[in-house]
Amino acid sequence: MNLRLLPLDAAQTKAVYDRWMKADFPPEELKPYASMAQMMEKGWYEPLALLDGTTGAMAAYAFQTVMPDCRCALLDYFAVLPDRRGHGTGTAALKALAGHYRDRMEALIIECEHPAEAPDPETARRRIGFYLRAGARTTAIESRLFGVRYLVLALPCGDAVPDAAVNADLRRIYRMTVPEPYYRGNVIFYGG
């Protein structure tokens, strides 16, 4: 499947947020658009649309947190549009993202809700399985963010990146993007 990546400007990002993200993500997982806009202004946030190479229609979207001096980017939001699900679009989109970041990043960090504490453990297991089949690997790192437990995976953009680099970059990303007093007690890392 041929996908073309299109960087989104603020207006396009807002349109995707309103039309798709509010439907694709539960309200408690969706950060306010104003936070995304602030990060975009600082150059820390990269929203991308993944377009069907034949029709030009949007097939998926991916929003990444990309911090200066980091070897890894955080895949903050990723979704395949409903009519494209189950046809290989998600795997193709992840491969396209890894290729897009190959010259700048060593990996995309992916946080998946831990099945042991997820409201729907089977969905959490399926989501992790999808990322693993697409080429991601589990790391020795877990996190608890605002009370939700996550497994941390890494999707290599080139050569494999060590867990220590993933851990350091993930900590840096959260330290830079979550202000005090919200960080303390709400952003916790284990392992790595």
C-alpha atoms as a PDB file:
ATOM      1  CA  MET A   1       0.000   0.000   0.000  1.00  0.00           C
ATOM      2  CA  ASN A   2       1.389   3.367  -1.042  1.00  0.00           C
ATOM      3  CA  LEU A   3       0.883   6.135   1.531  1.00  0.00           C
ATOM      4  CA  ARG A   4       2.024   9.747   1.296  1.00  0.00           C
ATOM      5  CA  LEU A   5       2.698  11.765   4.456  1.00  0.00           C
ATOM      6  CA  LEU A   6       1.391  15.304   4.674  1.00  0.00           C
ATOM      7  CA  PRO A   7       2.510  17.590   7.532  1.00  0.00           C
ATOM      8  CA  LEU A   8      -0.529  19.392   8.943  1.00  0.00           C
ATOM      9  CA  ASP A   9      -0.655  23.087   9.778  1.00  0.00           C
ATOM     10  CA  ALA A  10      -2.593  24.407  12.790  1.00  0.00           C
ATOM     11  CA  ALA A  11      -5.918  24.723  10.922  1.00  0.00           C
ATOM     12  CA  GLN A  12      -5.638  21.245   9.395  1.00  0.00           C
ATOM     13  CA  THR A  13      -4.670  19.793  12.778  1.00  0.00           C
ATOM     14  CA  LYS A  14      -7.728  21.396  14.388  1.00  0.00           C
ATOM     15  CA  ALA A  15      -9.936  19.957  11.626  1.00  0.00           C
ATOM     16  CA  VAL A  16      -8.581  16.420  12.207  1.00  0.00           C
ATOM     17  CA  TYR A  17      -8.948  16.913  15.961  1.00  0.00           C
ATOM     18  CA  ASP A  18     -12.610  17.963  15.676  1.00  0.00           C
ATOM     19  CA  ARG A  19     -13.677  15.528  12.968  1.00  0.00           C
ATOM     20  CA  TRP A  20     -11.752  12.364  13.834  1.00  0.00           C
ATOM     21  CA  MET A  21      -9.876  12.460  17.108  1.00  0.00           C
ATOM     22  CA  LYS A  22     -12.901  13.266  19.257  1.00  0.00           C
ATOM     23  CA  ALA A  23     -14.523  10.111  17.868  1.00  0.00           C
ATOM     24  CA  ASP A  24     -11.404   7.897  17.858  1.00  0.00           C
ATOM     25  CA  PHE A  25     -10.189   8.570  21.414  1.00  0.00           C
ATOM     26  CA  PRO A  26     -12.016   8.633  24.758  1.00  0.00           C
ATOM     27  CA  PRO A  27     -12.207  12.146  26.249  1.00  0.00           C
ATOM     28  CA  GLU A  28      -9.893  11.213  29.127  1.00  0.00           C
ATOM     29  CA  GLU A  29      -7.139  10.225  26.640  1.00  0.00           C
ATOM     30  CA  LEU A  30      -7.462  13.285  24.420  1.00  0.00           C
ATOM     31  CA  LYS A  31      -5.385  16.280  25.418  1.00  0.00           C
ATOM     32  CA  PRO A  32      -6.906  19.696  24.713  1.00  0.00           C
ATOM     33  CA  TYR A  33      -6.236  21.056  21.247  1.00  0.00           C
ATOM     34  CA  ALA A  34      -4.756  24.205  22.840  1.00  0.00           C
ATOM     35  CA  SER A  35      -1.955  22.054  24.319  1.00  0.00           C
ATOM     36  CA  MET A  36      -1.195  20.612  20.888  1.00  0.00           C
ATOM     37  CA  ALA A  37      -1.182  24.083  19.339  1.00  0.00           C
ATOM     38  CA  GLN A  38       1.275  25.332  21.973  1.00  0.00           C
ATOM     39  CA  MET A  39       3.593  22.413  21.307  1.00  0.00           C
ATOM     40  CA  MET A  40       3.342  22.997  17.544  1.00  0.00           C
ATOM     41  CA  GLU A  41       4.349  26.636  18.037  1.00  0.00           C
ATOM     42  CA  LYS A  42       7.450  25.486  19.938  1.00  0.00           C
ATOM     43  CA  GLY A  43       8.311  22.986  17.190  1.00  0.00           C
ATOM     44  CA  TRP A  44       7.740  20.030  19.528  1.00  0.00           C
ATOM     45  CA  TYR A  45       4.650  18.536  17.860  1.00  0.00           C
ATOM     46  CA  GLU A  46       4.331  17.073  14.375  1.00  0.00           C
ATOM     47  CA  PRO A  47       0.823  16.135  13.217  1.00  0.00           C
ATOM     48  CA  LEU A  48       0.792  14.148   9.982  1.00  0.00           C
ATOM     49  CA  ALA A  49      -1.962  12.921   7.693  1.00  0.00           C
ATOM     50  CA  LEU A  50      -1.264   9.704   5.826  1.00  0.00           C
ATOM     51  CA  LEU A  51      -2.883   9.914   2.418  1.00  0.00           C
ATOM     52  CA  ASP A  52      -3.747   7.104   0.033  1.00  0.00           C
ATOM     53  CA  GLY A  53      -1.126   7.385  -2.727  1.00  0.00           C
ATOM     54  CA  THR A  54      -3.703   6.587  -5.402  1.00  0.00           C
ATOM     55  CA  THR A  55      -6.759   8.613  -4.388  1.00  0.00           C
ATOM     56  CA  GLY A  56      -5.182  11.278  -2.160  1.00  0.00           C
ATOM     57  CA  ALA A  57      -7.840  10.608   0.483  1.00  0.00           C
ATOM     58  CA  MET A  58      -6.791  10.561   4.128  1.00  0.00           C
ATOM     59  CA  ALA A  59      -6.317   6.985   5.337  1.00  0.00           C
ATOM     60  CA  ALA A  60      -4.781   7.576   8.785  1.00  0.00           C
ATOM     61  CA  TYR A  61      -3.233  10.227  10.982  1.00  0.00           C
ATOM     62  CA  ALA A  62      -0.350  10.293  13.422  1.00  0.00           C
ATOM     63  CA  PHE A  63       0.633  13.025  15.882  1.00  0.00           C
ATOM     64  CA  GLN A  64       4.190  12.850  17.257  1.00  0.00           C
ATOM     65  CA  THR A  65       5.983  14.671  20.066  1.00  0.00           C
ATOM     66  CA  VAL A  66       9.496  15.399  18.806  1.00  0.00           C
ATOM     67  CA  MET A  67      11.819  17.118  21.262  1.00  0.00           C
ATOM     68  CA  PRO A  68      15.199  18.701  20.579  1.00  0.00           C
ATOM     69  CA  ASP A  69      18.151  16.511  21.562  1.00  0.00           C
ATOM     70  CA  CYS A  70      16.026  13.342  21.660  1.00  0.00           C
ATOM     71  CA  ARG A  71      16.831  10.207  19.682  1.00  0.00           C
ATOM     72  CA  CYS A  72      13.210   9.017  19.840  1.00  0.00           C
ATOM     73  CA  ALA A  73       9.843  10.599  19.107  1.00  0.00           C
ATOM     74  CA  LEU A  74       6.647   9.776  21.008  1.00  0.00           C
ATOM     75  CA  LEU A  75       3.769   8.520  18.883  1.00  0.00           C
ATOM     76  CA  ASP A  76       1.179  10.528  20.772  1.00  0.00           C
ATOM     77  CA  TYR A  77      -1.915   9.698  18.704  1.00  0.00           C
ATOM     78  CA  PHE A  78      -2.334   7.231  15.852  1.00  0.00           C
ATOM     79  CA  ALA A  79      -5.532   6.121  14.151  1.00  0.00           C
ATOM     80  CA  VAL A  80      -6.649   4.598  10.900  1.00  0.00           C
ATOM     81  CA  LEU A  81      -9.918   5.963   9.528  1.00  0.00           C
ATOM     82  CA  PRO A  82     -12.834   3.557  10.060  1.00  0.00           C
ATOM     83  CA  ASP A  83     -13.312   2.620   6.389  1.00  0.00           C
ATOM     84  CA  ARG A  84      -9.591   1.709   6.110  1.00  0.00           C
ATOM     85  CA  ARG A  85      -9.307  -0.544   9.166  1.00  0.00           C
ATOM     86  CA  GLY A  86      -8.580  -4.226   8.681  1.00  0.00           C
ATOM     87  CA  HIS A  87      -6.979  -3.773   5.246  1.00  0.00           C
ATOM     88  CA  GLY A  88      -3.303  -3.362   6.160  1.00  0.00           C
ATOM     89  CA  THR A  89      -3.442   0.425   6.298  1.00  0.00           C
ATOM     90  CA  GLY A  90      -2.257   0.597   9.915  1.00  0.00           C
ATOM     91  CA  THR A  91       0.835  -1.514   9.281  1.00  0.00           C
ATOM     92  CA  ALA A  92       1.626   0.424   6.093  1.00  0.00           C
ATOM     93  CA  ALA A  93       1.166   3.710   7.985  1.00  0.00           C
ATOM     94  CA  LEU A  94       3.580   2.667  10.751  1.00  0.00           C
ATOM     95  CA  LYS A  95       6.178   1.611   8.189  1.00  0.00           C
ATOM     96  CA  ALA A  96       5.740   4.958   6.399  1.00  0.00           C
ATOM     97  CA  LEU A  97       6.164   6.815   9.704  1.00  0.00           C
ATOM     98  CA  ALA A  98       9.348   4.898  10.548  1.00  0.00           C
ATOM     99  CA  GLY A  99      10.690   5.745   7.103  1.00  0.00           C
ATOM    100  CA  HIS A 100       9.717   9.394   7.493  1.00  0.00           C
ATOM    101  CA  TYR A 101      11.696   9.708  10.735  1.00  0.00           C
ATOM    102  CA  ARG A 102      14.648   7.502   9.718  1.00  0.00           C
ATOM    103  CA  ASP A 103      17.031  10.435   9.123  1.00  0.00           C
ATOM    104  CA  ARG A 104      16.147  12.214  12.402  1.00  0.00           C
ATOM    105  CA  MET A 105      15.082   9.606  14.940  1.00  0.00           C
ATOM    106  CA  GLU A 106      16.109   6.137  16.006  1.00  0.00           C
ATOM    107  CA  ALA A 107      12.632   5.026  17.100  1.00  0.00           C
ATOM    108  CA  LEU A 108       9.037   5.946  17.670  1.00  0.00           C
ATOM    109  CA  ILE A 109       7.993   5.348  21.272  1.00  0.00           C
ATOM    110  CA  ILE A 110       4.548   3.794  21.603  1.00  0.00           C
ATOM    111  CA  GLU A 111       2.611   3.649  24.874  1.00  0.00           C
ATOM    112  CA  CYS A 112      -0.048   0.952  25.101  1.00  0.00           C
ATOM    113  CA  GLU A 113      -2.436   0.562  27.987  1.00  0.00           C
ATOM    114  CA  HIS A 114      -1.332  -2.417  30.086  1.00  0.00           C
ATOM    115  CA  PRO A 115      -3.813  -5.319  29.700  1.00  0.00           C
ATOM    116  CA  ALA A 116      -3.598  -6.122  33.424  1.00  0.00           C
ATOM    117  CA  GLU A 117      -5.305  -2.829  34.295  1.00  0.00           C
ATOM    118  CA  ALA A 118      -7.108  -1.849  31.084  1.00  0.00           C
ATOM    119  CA  PRO A 119     -10.902  -1.491  31.180  1.00  0.00           C
ATOM    120  CA  ASP A 120     -10.968  -3.825  28.150  1.00  0.00           C
ATOM    121  CA  PRO A 121      -7.970  -6.199  28.477  1.00  0.00           C
ATOM    122  CA  GLU A 122      -8.677  -7.992  25.190  1.00  0.00           C
ATOM    123  CA  THR A 123      -8.628  -4.719  23.214  1.00  0.00           C
ATOM    124  CA  ALA A 124      -5.370  -3.765  24.955  1.00  0.00           C
ATOM    125  CA  ARG A 125      -3.823  -7.131  23.988  1.00  0.00           C
ATOM    126  CA  ARG A 126      -4.990  -6.760  20.370  1.00  0.00           C
ATOM    127  CA  ARG A 127      -3.536  -3.239  20.176  1.00  0.00           C
ATOM    128  CA  ILE A 128      -0.158  -4.438  21.515  1.00  0.00           C
ATOM    129  CA  GLY A 129      -0.216  -7.380  19.098  1.00  0.00           C
ATOM    130  CA  PHE A 130      -0.872  -5.020  16.191  1.00  0.00           C
ATOM    131  CA  TYR A 131       2.162  -2.887  17.055  1.00  0.00           C
ATOM    132  CA  LEU A 132       4.367  -5.961  17.535  1.00  0.00           C
ATOM    133  CA  ARG A 133       3.294  -7.421  14.164  1.00  0.00           C
ATOM    134  CA  ALA A 134       4.075  -4.041  12.568  1.00  0.00           C
ATOM    135  CA  GLY A 135       7.682  -4.228  13.779  1.00  0.00           C
ATOM    136  CA  ALA A 136       7.641  -2.630  17.226  1.00  0.00           C
ATOM    137  CA  ARG A 137       9.267  -4.371  20.169  1.00  0.00           C
ATOM    138  CA  THR A 138       8.456  -4.341  23.847  1.00  0.00           C
ATOM    139  CA  THR A 139      10.904  -2.552  26.116  1.00  0.00           C
ATOM    140  CA  ALA A 140      11.671  -3.123  29.791  1.00  0.00           C
ATOM    141  CA  ILE A 141       9.931   0.183  30.527  1.00  0.00           C
ATOM    142  CA  GLU A 142       6.464   0.757  31.933  1.00  0.00           C
ATOM    143  CA  SER A 143       4.832   3.985  32.964  1.00  0.00           C
ATOM    144  CA  ARG A 144       1.895   5.193  34.980  1.00  0.00           C
ATOM    145  CA  LEU A 145       0.517   8.427  33.607  1.00  0.00           C
ATOM    146  CA  PHE A 146      -2.261  10.134  35.515  1.00  0.00           C
ATOM    147  CA  GLY A 147      -3.248   6.785  37.021  1.00  0.00           C
ATOM    148  CA  VAL A 148      -3.151   4.728  33.799  1.00  0.00           C
ATOM    149  CA  ARG A 149      -0.549   1.959  33.461  1.00  0.00           C
ATOM    150  CA  TYR A 150       1.254   1.626  30.112  1.00  0.00           C
ATOM    151  CA  LEU A 151       3.639  -0.780  28.448  1.00  0.00           C
ATOM    152  CA  VAL A 152       6.267   1.056  26.409  1.00  0.00           C
ATOM    153  CA  LEU A 153       7.129  -0.234  22.949  1.00  0.00           C
ATOM    154  CA  ALA A 154       9.683   1.037  20.438  1.00  0.00           C
ATOM    155  CA  LEU A 155       9.251   1.024  16.662  1.00  0.00           C
ATOM    156  CA  PRO A 156      12.748   1.283  15.154  1.00  0.00           C
ATOM    157  CA  CYS A 157      13.241   3.868  12.418  1.00  0.00           C
ATOM    158  CA  GLY A 158      16.541   2.236  11.473  1.00  0.00           C
ATOM    159  CA  ASP A 159      18.791   0.165  13.702  1.00  0.00           C
ATOM    160  CA  ALA A 160      17.455  -1.027  17.056  1.00  0.00           C
ATOM    161  CA  VAL A 161      17.595   1.575  19.809  1.00  0.00           C
ATOM    162  CA  PRO A 162      18.544   0.542  23.357  1.00  0.00           C
ATOM    163  CA  ASP A 163      15.974   0.718  26.159  1.00  0.00           C
ATOM    164  CA  ALA A 164      18.153   3.239  27.992  1.00  0.00           C
ATOM    165  CA  ALA A 165      17.737   5.740  25.125  1.00  0.00           C
ATOM    166  CA  VAL A 166      13.978   5.139  24.958  1.00  0.00           C
ATOM    167  CA  ASN A 167      13.712   5.604  28.725  1.00  0.00           C
ATOM    168  CA  ALA A 168      15.801   8.805  28.755  1.00  0.00           C
ATOM    169  CA  ASP A 169      13.888  10.363  25.866  1.00  0.00           C
ATOM    170  CA  LEU A 170      10.470   9.419  27.222  1.00  0.00           C
ATOM    171  CA  ARG A 171      11.345  10.982  30.569  1.00  0.00           C
ATOM    172  CA  ARG A 172      12.627  14.125  28.824  1.00  0.00           C
ATOM    173  CA  ILE A 173       9.485  14.407  26.684  1.00  0.00           C
ATOM    174  CA  TYR A 174       7.201  14.239  29.719  1.00  0.00           C
ATOM    175  CA  ARG A 175       9.411  16.529  31.809  1.00  0.00           C
ATOM    176  CA  MET A 176       9.261  19.154  29.026  1.00  0.00           C
ATOM    177  CA  THR A 177       5.555  18.820  28.222  1.00  0.00           C
ATOM    178  CA  VAL A 178       3.838  18.231  31.575  1.00  0.00           C
ATOM    179  CA  PRO A 179       4.145  21.265  33.859  1.00  0.00           C
ATOM    180  CA  GLU A 180       4.506  21.165  37.609  1.00  0.00           C
ATOM    181  CA  PRO A 181       2.589  20.486  39.762  1.00  0.00           C
ATOM    182  CA  TYR A 182       0.914  17.989  37.377  1.00  0.00           C
ATOM    183  CA  TYR A 183       4.126  16.066  36.684  1.00  0.00           C
ATOM    184  CA  ARG A 184       4.933  15.164  40.286  1.00  0.00           C
ATOM    185  CA  GLY A 185       3.002  12.066  41.318  1.00  0.00           C
ATOM    186  CA  ASN A 186       1.229  11.750  37.943  1.00  0.00           C
ATOM    187  CA  VAL A 187       4.125  10.773  35.669  1.00  0.00           C
ATOM    188  CA  ILE A 188       5.937   7.672  36.931  1.00  0.00           C
ATOM    189  CA  PHE A 189       8.368   5.368  35.112  1.00  0.00           C
ATOM    190  CA  TYR A 190       9.515   1.820  35.929  1.00  0.00           C
ATOM    191  CA  GLY A 191      12.349  -0.238  34.444  1.00  0.00           C
ATOM    192  CA  GLY A 192      14.654   0.632  31.622  1.00  0.00           C
END
